[in-house]
N, C-alpha and C. Protein backbone atom coordinates (compact mmCIF):
# COMPACT_ATOMS: atom_id res chain seq x y z
N MET A 1 4.87 -2.19 -39.51
CA MET A 1 3.28 -3.11 -39.00
C MET A 1 3.49 -2.88 -37.78
N ILE A 2 2.43 -3.05 -37.24
CA ILE A 2 2.21 -3.54 -35.74
C ILE A 2 1.49 -4.46 -35.58
N ASP A 3 2.56 -5.47 -35.15
CA ASP A 3 1.89 -7.20 -34.52
C ASP A 3 0.41 -7.04 -34.38
N GLN A 4 -0.47 -7.73 -34.54
CA GLN A 4 -1.87 -7.87 -34.08
C GLN A 4 -2.27 -9.24 -32.94
N VAL A 5 -2.44 -9.03 -32.15
CA VAL A 5 -2.75 -10.33 -31.22
C VAL A 5 -4.30 -10.37 -30.29
N ARG A 6 -4.67 -11.42 -30.78
CA ARG A 6 -6.22 -11.60 -29.86
C ARG A 6 -6.16 -11.97 -28.54
N PRO A 7 -6.93 -11.38 -27.96
CA PRO A 7 -7.09 -11.48 -26.45
C PRO A 7 -7.02 -13.22 -26.14
N SER A 8 -7.57 -13.74 -27.23
CA SER A 8 -7.28 -15.61 -27.08
C SER A 8 -6.00 -16.05 -27.47
N GLN A 9 -5.11 -15.52 -28.03
CA GLN A 9 -3.62 -15.31 -28.52
C GLN A 9 -2.74 -14.81 -27.34
N LEU A 10 -3.22 -14.50 -26.25
CA LEU A 10 -2.51 -13.41 -25.40
C LEU A 10 -1.86 -14.55 -24.65
N SER A 11 -2.02 -15.26 -24.03
CA SER A 11 -1.09 -16.36 -23.60
C SER A 11 -0.04 -16.78 -24.15
N ASP A 12 -0.03 -17.16 -25.31
CA ASP A 12 1.00 -17.37 -25.82
C ASP A 12 1.98 -16.50 -26.27
N TRP A 13 1.79 -15.31 -26.61
CA TRP A 13 2.64 -14.42 -26.76
C TRP A 13 3.04 -13.74 -25.30
N LEU A 14 2.40 -13.64 -24.07
CA LEU A 14 3.04 -13.51 -22.79
C LEU A 14 4.14 -14.76 -22.68
N GLN A 15 3.46 -16.14 -22.76
CA GLN A 15 4.90 -16.92 -22.88
C GLN A 15 5.86 -16.96 -23.20
N GLN A 16 5.61 -16.48 -24.64
CA GLN A 16 6.99 -16.72 -25.41
C GLN A 16 8.22 -15.13 -25.13
N HIS A 17 7.23 -14.36 -24.29
CA HIS A 17 8.33 -12.98 -23.69
C HIS A 17 8.34 -12.87 -22.15
N ALA A 18 8.04 -14.21 -21.09
CA ALA A 18 7.84 -14.38 -19.97
C ALA A 18 8.92 -13.87 -19.23
N SER A 19 10.05 -14.35 -19.51
CA SER A 19 11.57 -13.85 -18.99
C SER A 19 11.60 -12.17 -18.61
N GLU A 20 11.22 -11.46 -20.14
CA GLU A 20 11.53 -10.34 -20.40
C GLU A 20 10.28 -9.61 -19.80
N GLN A 21 9.41 -10.08 -18.66
CA GLN A 21 8.48 -8.98 -18.44
C GLN A 21 7.83 -8.38 -18.94
N PRO A 22 7.09 -9.08 -19.50
CA PRO A 22 5.81 -8.58 -20.67
C PRO A 22 5.15 -7.30 -19.79
N VAL A 23 4.42 -6.38 -20.89
CA VAL A 23 3.62 -5.19 -20.31
C VAL A 23 2.29 -5.32 -21.07
N VAL A 24 1.16 -5.16 -20.36
CA VAL A 24 0.04 -4.47 -20.98
C VAL A 24 -0.15 -3.33 -20.53
N LEU A 25 -0.06 -2.46 -21.51
CA LEU A 25 -0.73 -1.47 -21.69
C LEU A 25 -2.08 -0.82 -21.83
N ASP A 26 -2.77 -0.60 -20.82
CA ASP A 26 -4.22 -0.19 -21.12
C ASP A 26 -4.10 1.49 -21.47
N VAL A 27 -4.65 1.82 -22.37
CA VAL A 27 -4.69 3.23 -22.85
C VAL A 27 -5.93 4.03 -22.85
N ARG A 28 -7.12 3.32 -22.11
CA ARG A 28 -8.58 3.76 -21.62
C ARG A 28 -8.54 4.76 -20.48
N ASP A 29 -9.61 5.36 -20.65
CA ASP A 29 -9.95 6.66 -19.81
C ASP A 29 -9.67 5.98 -18.54
N THR A 30 -9.97 6.66 -17.72
CA THR A 30 -9.94 6.64 -15.91
C THR A 30 -11.68 6.12 -16.11
N LEU A 31 -12.68 6.56 -16.47
CA LEU A 31 -14.13 6.44 -16.20
C LEU A 31 -14.08 4.64 -16.77
N GLU A 32 -13.33 4.61 -18.06
CA GLU A 32 -13.78 3.06 -18.88
C GLU A 32 -13.03 2.22 -17.37
N LEU A 33 -11.76 2.34 -17.00
CA LEU A 33 -11.56 1.48 -15.77
C LEU A 33 -12.81 1.12 -15.35
N ALA A 34 -13.58 1.95 -14.42
CA ALA A 34 -14.18 1.59 -13.23
C ALA A 34 -15.19 0.92 -13.95
N VAL A 35 -15.71 0.71 -15.18
CA VAL A 35 -16.19 -0.23 -16.06
C VAL A 35 -15.61 -1.31 -15.85
N ALA A 36 -14.62 -1.60 -16.57
CA ALA A 36 -14.08 -2.81 -16.78
C ALA A 36 -12.52 -2.97 -16.61
N ARG A 37 -12.51 -3.92 -16.23
CA ARG A 37 -10.54 -4.17 -15.87
C ARG A 37 -9.98 -5.48 -16.09
N VAL A 38 -9.04 -5.26 -16.18
CA VAL A 38 -8.51 -6.68 -16.59
C VAL A 38 -7.66 -7.09 -15.11
N ARG A 39 -7.24 -8.61 -15.32
CA ARG A 39 -6.82 -8.75 -14.32
C ARG A 39 -5.46 -9.29 -14.46
N PRO A 40 -4.19 -8.93 -13.84
CA PRO A 40 -2.81 -8.95 -14.50
C PRO A 40 -2.29 -10.55 -14.13
N GLU A 41 -2.26 -11.15 -14.95
CA GLU A 41 -1.65 -12.47 -14.99
C GLU A 41 -0.95 -13.26 -15.54
N GLY A 42 0.09 -13.04 -15.43
CA GLY A 42 1.44 -13.22 -16.10
C GLY A 42 2.31 -11.95 -17.11
N PHE A 43 1.86 -10.91 -16.60
CA PHE A 43 2.35 -9.95 -16.75
C PHE A 43 2.10 -8.37 -15.94
N GLU A 44 2.63 -7.42 -16.18
CA GLU A 44 2.57 -5.89 -15.24
C GLU A 44 1.52 -5.12 -16.30
N LEU A 45 0.56 -4.55 -15.75
CA LEU A 45 -0.57 -4.24 -16.47
C LEU A 45 0.11 -2.49 -15.65
N VAL A 46 -0.15 -1.76 -16.50
CA VAL A 46 0.11 -0.62 -16.57
C VAL A 46 -1.25 0.56 -17.34
N HIS A 47 -1.37 1.27 -16.82
CA HIS A 47 -2.68 2.13 -17.49
C HIS A 47 -2.31 3.58 -17.46
N ILE A 48 -1.99 3.87 -18.80
CA ILE A 48 -1.88 5.30 -19.03
C ILE A 48 -2.86 5.81 -20.17
N PRO A 49 -3.36 6.65 -19.46
CA PRO A 49 -4.80 7.27 -20.98
C PRO A 49 -3.68 7.84 -22.12
N MET A 50 -4.59 7.29 -23.01
CA MET A 50 -3.98 7.77 -24.41
C MET A 50 -3.60 9.17 -24.19
N ASN A 51 -4.94 9.81 -24.06
CA ASN A 51 -3.80 11.58 -24.40
C ASN A 51 -2.66 11.92 -23.23
N GLU A 52 -2.22 10.93 -22.30
CA GLU A 52 -1.04 11.08 -21.20
C GLU A 52 -0.09 10.93 -21.65
N LEU A 53 -0.10 9.84 -22.94
CA LEU A 53 0.88 9.27 -22.81
C LEU A 53 1.99 9.97 -23.51
N PRO A 54 2.40 10.60 -24.25
CA PRO A 54 3.15 11.97 -24.43
C PRO A 54 3.90 12.54 -23.40
N ALA A 55 3.18 12.77 -22.57
CA ALA A 55 3.78 13.28 -21.34
C ALA A 55 4.21 12.24 -20.48
N ARG A 56 3.84 11.07 -20.40
CA ARG A 56 4.24 9.81 -19.68
C ARG A 56 5.03 9.00 -20.38
N LEU A 57 5.65 9.15 -21.19
CA LEU A 57 6.40 8.06 -22.20
C LEU A 57 7.71 7.72 -21.61
N GLY A 58 8.28 8.24 -20.40
CA GLY A 58 9.47 7.84 -19.72
C GLY A 58 9.11 7.10 -18.71
N GLU A 59 7.76 7.17 -18.29
CA GLU A 59 7.39 5.86 -17.23
C GLU A 59 7.34 4.18 -17.99
N LEU A 60 7.72 4.24 -19.27
CA LEU A 60 7.77 2.72 -20.08
C LEU A 60 9.46 2.53 -20.62
N ASP A 61 9.77 1.25 -20.59
CA ASP A 61 10.78 0.82 -20.81
C ASP A 61 10.63 -0.04 -22.23
N PRO A 62 11.44 0.82 -22.88
CA PRO A 62 11.64 0.45 -24.44
C PRO A 62 11.87 -1.16 -25.26
N GLN A 63 12.74 -1.27 -23.71
CA GLN A 63 13.47 -2.82 -24.02
C GLN A 63 11.99 -3.95 -23.70
N ARG A 64 11.00 -3.80 -22.85
CA ARG A 64 10.31 -4.38 -22.30
C ARG A 64 9.15 -4.93 -23.47
N PRO A 65 8.41 -5.91 -23.43
CA PRO A 65 7.77 -6.49 -24.51
C PRO A 65 6.30 -5.41 -24.24
N LEU A 66 5.42 -5.02 -25.19
CA LEU A 66 4.34 -4.83 -24.70
C LEU A 66 3.39 -4.63 -25.48
N ALA A 67 1.90 -5.13 -24.77
CA ALA A 67 0.87 -5.36 -25.43
C ALA A 67 -0.06 -3.79 -24.94
N CYS A 68 -0.54 -3.54 -25.93
CA CYS A 68 -1.38 -2.30 -25.88
C CYS A 68 -2.60 -2.84 -26.12
N LEU A 69 -3.95 -2.01 -24.83
CA LEU A 69 -5.29 -2.63 -25.06
C LEU A 69 -6.04 -1.40 -24.68
N CYS A 70 -7.17 -1.37 -25.57
CA CYS A 70 -8.06 -0.01 -25.53
C CYS A 70 -9.71 -1.07 -25.30
N HIS A 71 -10.37 -0.19 -25.66
CA HIS A 71 -11.83 -0.53 -25.53
C HIS A 71 -12.24 -1.64 -26.79
N HIS A 72 -11.87 -1.35 -28.07
CA HIS A 72 -11.82 -2.04 -29.40
C HIS A 72 -10.73 -2.60 -30.06
N GLY A 73 -9.84 -1.42 -30.00
CA GLY A 73 -7.99 -2.11 -30.62
C GLY A 73 -7.85 -0.72 -31.32
N ILE A 74 -8.69 0.06 -31.42
CA ILE A 74 -8.75 1.29 -32.72
C ILE A 74 -7.64 2.46 -31.57
N ARG A 75 -7.83 3.23 -30.36
CA ARG A 75 -7.28 3.58 -29.84
C ARG A 75 -5.65 2.80 -29.64
N SER A 76 -5.84 1.77 -29.26
CA SER A 76 -4.40 1.08 -28.96
C SER A 76 -3.54 0.64 -30.14
N GLN A 77 -4.05 0.51 -31.24
CA GLN A 77 -3.20 0.63 -32.03
C GLN A 77 -2.55 1.94 -32.83
N ARG A 78 -3.12 2.98 -32.37
CA ARG A 78 -2.74 4.30 -32.32
C ARG A 78 -1.48 4.55 -31.65
N VAL A 79 -1.84 4.10 -30.31
CA VAL A 79 -0.76 4.16 -29.02
C VAL A 79 0.55 3.64 -30.10
N ALA A 80 0.08 2.00 -30.55
CA ALA A 80 1.17 1.20 -30.81
C ALA A 80 2.27 1.79 -31.75
N MET A 81 1.51 2.14 -32.56
CA MET A 81 2.56 3.23 -33.62
C MET A 81 2.98 3.88 -32.91
N PHE A 82 2.28 4.81 -32.16
CA PHE A 82 3.25 6.14 -31.89
C PHE A 82 4.17 5.31 -30.94
N LEU A 83 4.42 4.42 -29.89
CA LEU A 83 5.68 3.85 -29.48
C LEU A 83 6.37 3.28 -30.30
N ALA A 84 6.03 2.75 -31.27
CA ALA A 84 7.03 1.82 -32.66
C ALA A 84 8.16 3.50 -33.13
N HIS A 85 7.14 4.23 -33.27
CA HIS A 85 7.61 5.44 -33.64
C HIS A 85 8.71 6.35 -32.89
N ASN A 86 8.58 5.64 -31.51
CA ASN A 86 9.42 6.36 -30.38
C ASN A 86 10.05 5.66 -29.66
N GLY A 87 10.84 4.37 -30.76
CA GLY A 87 11.86 3.50 -30.33
C GLY A 87 11.31 2.39 -29.68
N PHE A 88 10.31 2.12 -29.69
CA PHE A 88 9.70 1.01 -28.76
C PHE A 88 9.65 -0.33 -30.15
N GLU A 89 10.41 -1.14 -30.03
CA GLU A 89 10.51 -2.15 -31.11
C GLU A 89 9.51 -3.29 -30.88
N ARG A 90 9.32 -3.87 -29.84
CA ARG A 90 8.83 -4.73 -28.97
C ARG A 90 7.00 -4.62 -28.92
N VAL A 91 6.79 -3.78 -29.72
CA VAL A 91 4.74 -3.56 -29.15
C VAL A 91 4.02 -4.23 -30.13
N VAL A 92 2.73 -5.00 -29.90
CA VAL A 92 1.69 -5.08 -30.49
C VAL A 92 0.86 -4.45 -29.69
N ASN A 93 -0.49 -5.09 -30.78
CA ASN A 93 -1.73 -4.57 -30.25
C ASN A 93 -2.43 -5.55 -30.25
N ILE A 94 -3.59 -5.44 -29.02
CA ILE A 94 -4.31 -6.32 -28.59
C ILE A 94 -5.70 -6.33 -29.44
N THR A 95 -6.22 -6.81 -30.64
CA THR A 95 -6.87 -6.74 -31.41
C THR A 95 -8.24 -6.94 -30.94
N GLY A 96 -9.25 -6.24 -31.10
CA GLY A 96 -11.01 -6.29 -30.51
C GLY A 96 -10.50 -5.55 -29.04
N GLY A 97 -9.67 -5.13 -28.08
CA GLY A 97 -9.74 -4.65 -27.03
C GLY A 97 -10.31 -5.35 -25.89
N ILE A 98 -10.53 -4.81 -24.73
CA ILE A 98 -11.23 -4.99 -23.47
C ILE A 98 -12.65 -5.73 -24.37
N ASP A 99 -13.05 -5.72 -24.63
CA ASP A 99 -14.48 -6.03 -25.88
C ASP A 99 -14.38 -7.27 -25.82
N ALA A 100 -12.88 -7.62 -26.95
CA ALA A 100 -12.68 -9.10 -27.07
C ALA A 100 -12.21 -9.77 -25.81
N TRP A 101 -11.66 -9.31 -25.18
CA TRP A 101 -11.00 -9.38 -23.84
C TRP A 101 -12.05 -10.82 -23.10
N SER A 102 -13.31 -9.55 -22.66
CA SER A 102 -14.15 -10.51 -22.47
C SER A 102 -14.76 -11.44 -23.07
N MET A 103 -14.99 -11.13 -23.88
CA MET A 103 -15.47 -12.66 -24.87
C MET A 103 -14.57 -13.78 -25.14
N GLU A 104 -13.26 -14.00 -25.12
CA GLU A 104 -12.35 -14.66 -25.40
C GLU A 104 -11.54 -14.99 -24.18
N ARG A 105 -11.64 -14.18 -23.19
CA ARG A 105 -9.72 -14.62 -22.48
C ARG A 105 -10.83 -14.64 -20.85
N ASP A 106 -11.70 -13.78 -20.91
CA ASP A 106 -11.89 -13.41 -19.07
C ASP A 106 -13.91 -13.02 -19.16
N PRO A 107 -14.90 -13.79 -19.16
CA PRO A 107 -16.47 -13.54 -19.19
C PRO A 107 -16.73 -12.81 -18.22
N SER A 108 -15.74 -12.62 -16.98
CA SER A 108 -16.42 -11.99 -15.69
C SER A 108 -16.08 -10.47 -16.29
N VAL A 109 -15.38 -10.01 -16.78
CA VAL A 109 -15.03 -8.41 -17.36
C VAL A 109 -16.24 -8.16 -18.14
N ALA A 110 -16.60 -7.28 -17.56
CA ALA A 110 -18.13 -6.34 -17.98
C ALA A 110 -17.59 -5.94 -19.85
N GLN A 111 -18.58 -5.89 -20.34
CA GLN A 111 -19.02 -5.20 -21.76
C GLN A 111 -19.72 -4.01 -21.61
N TYR A 112 -19.24 -2.92 -22.42
CA TYR A 112 -20.03 -1.62 -22.22
C TYR A 112 -19.75 -1.26 -23.82
């Protein structure tokens, strides 16, 4: 089972893993990034679209804590499960995705 973290809870999760250089993995398409982006604050932000992830898996460090982000949390949940199946033991899903991020964490992020 993949742990779920609401955007409003992400600061606590990031703080728990601050010394381990946490990563937020944005799995949305490039066109979606043009509409809404998050600002990395206390984490490294990596963008790998979901459909490119199998080919680019080597770009991620399975030892680092990783939180997956998409539009509403469905694709990121699937990505988190894929990563867990491939040896990533410290993966969470950001429930509600960037849509919830805008409502709970940063209202300057556009909703679409």
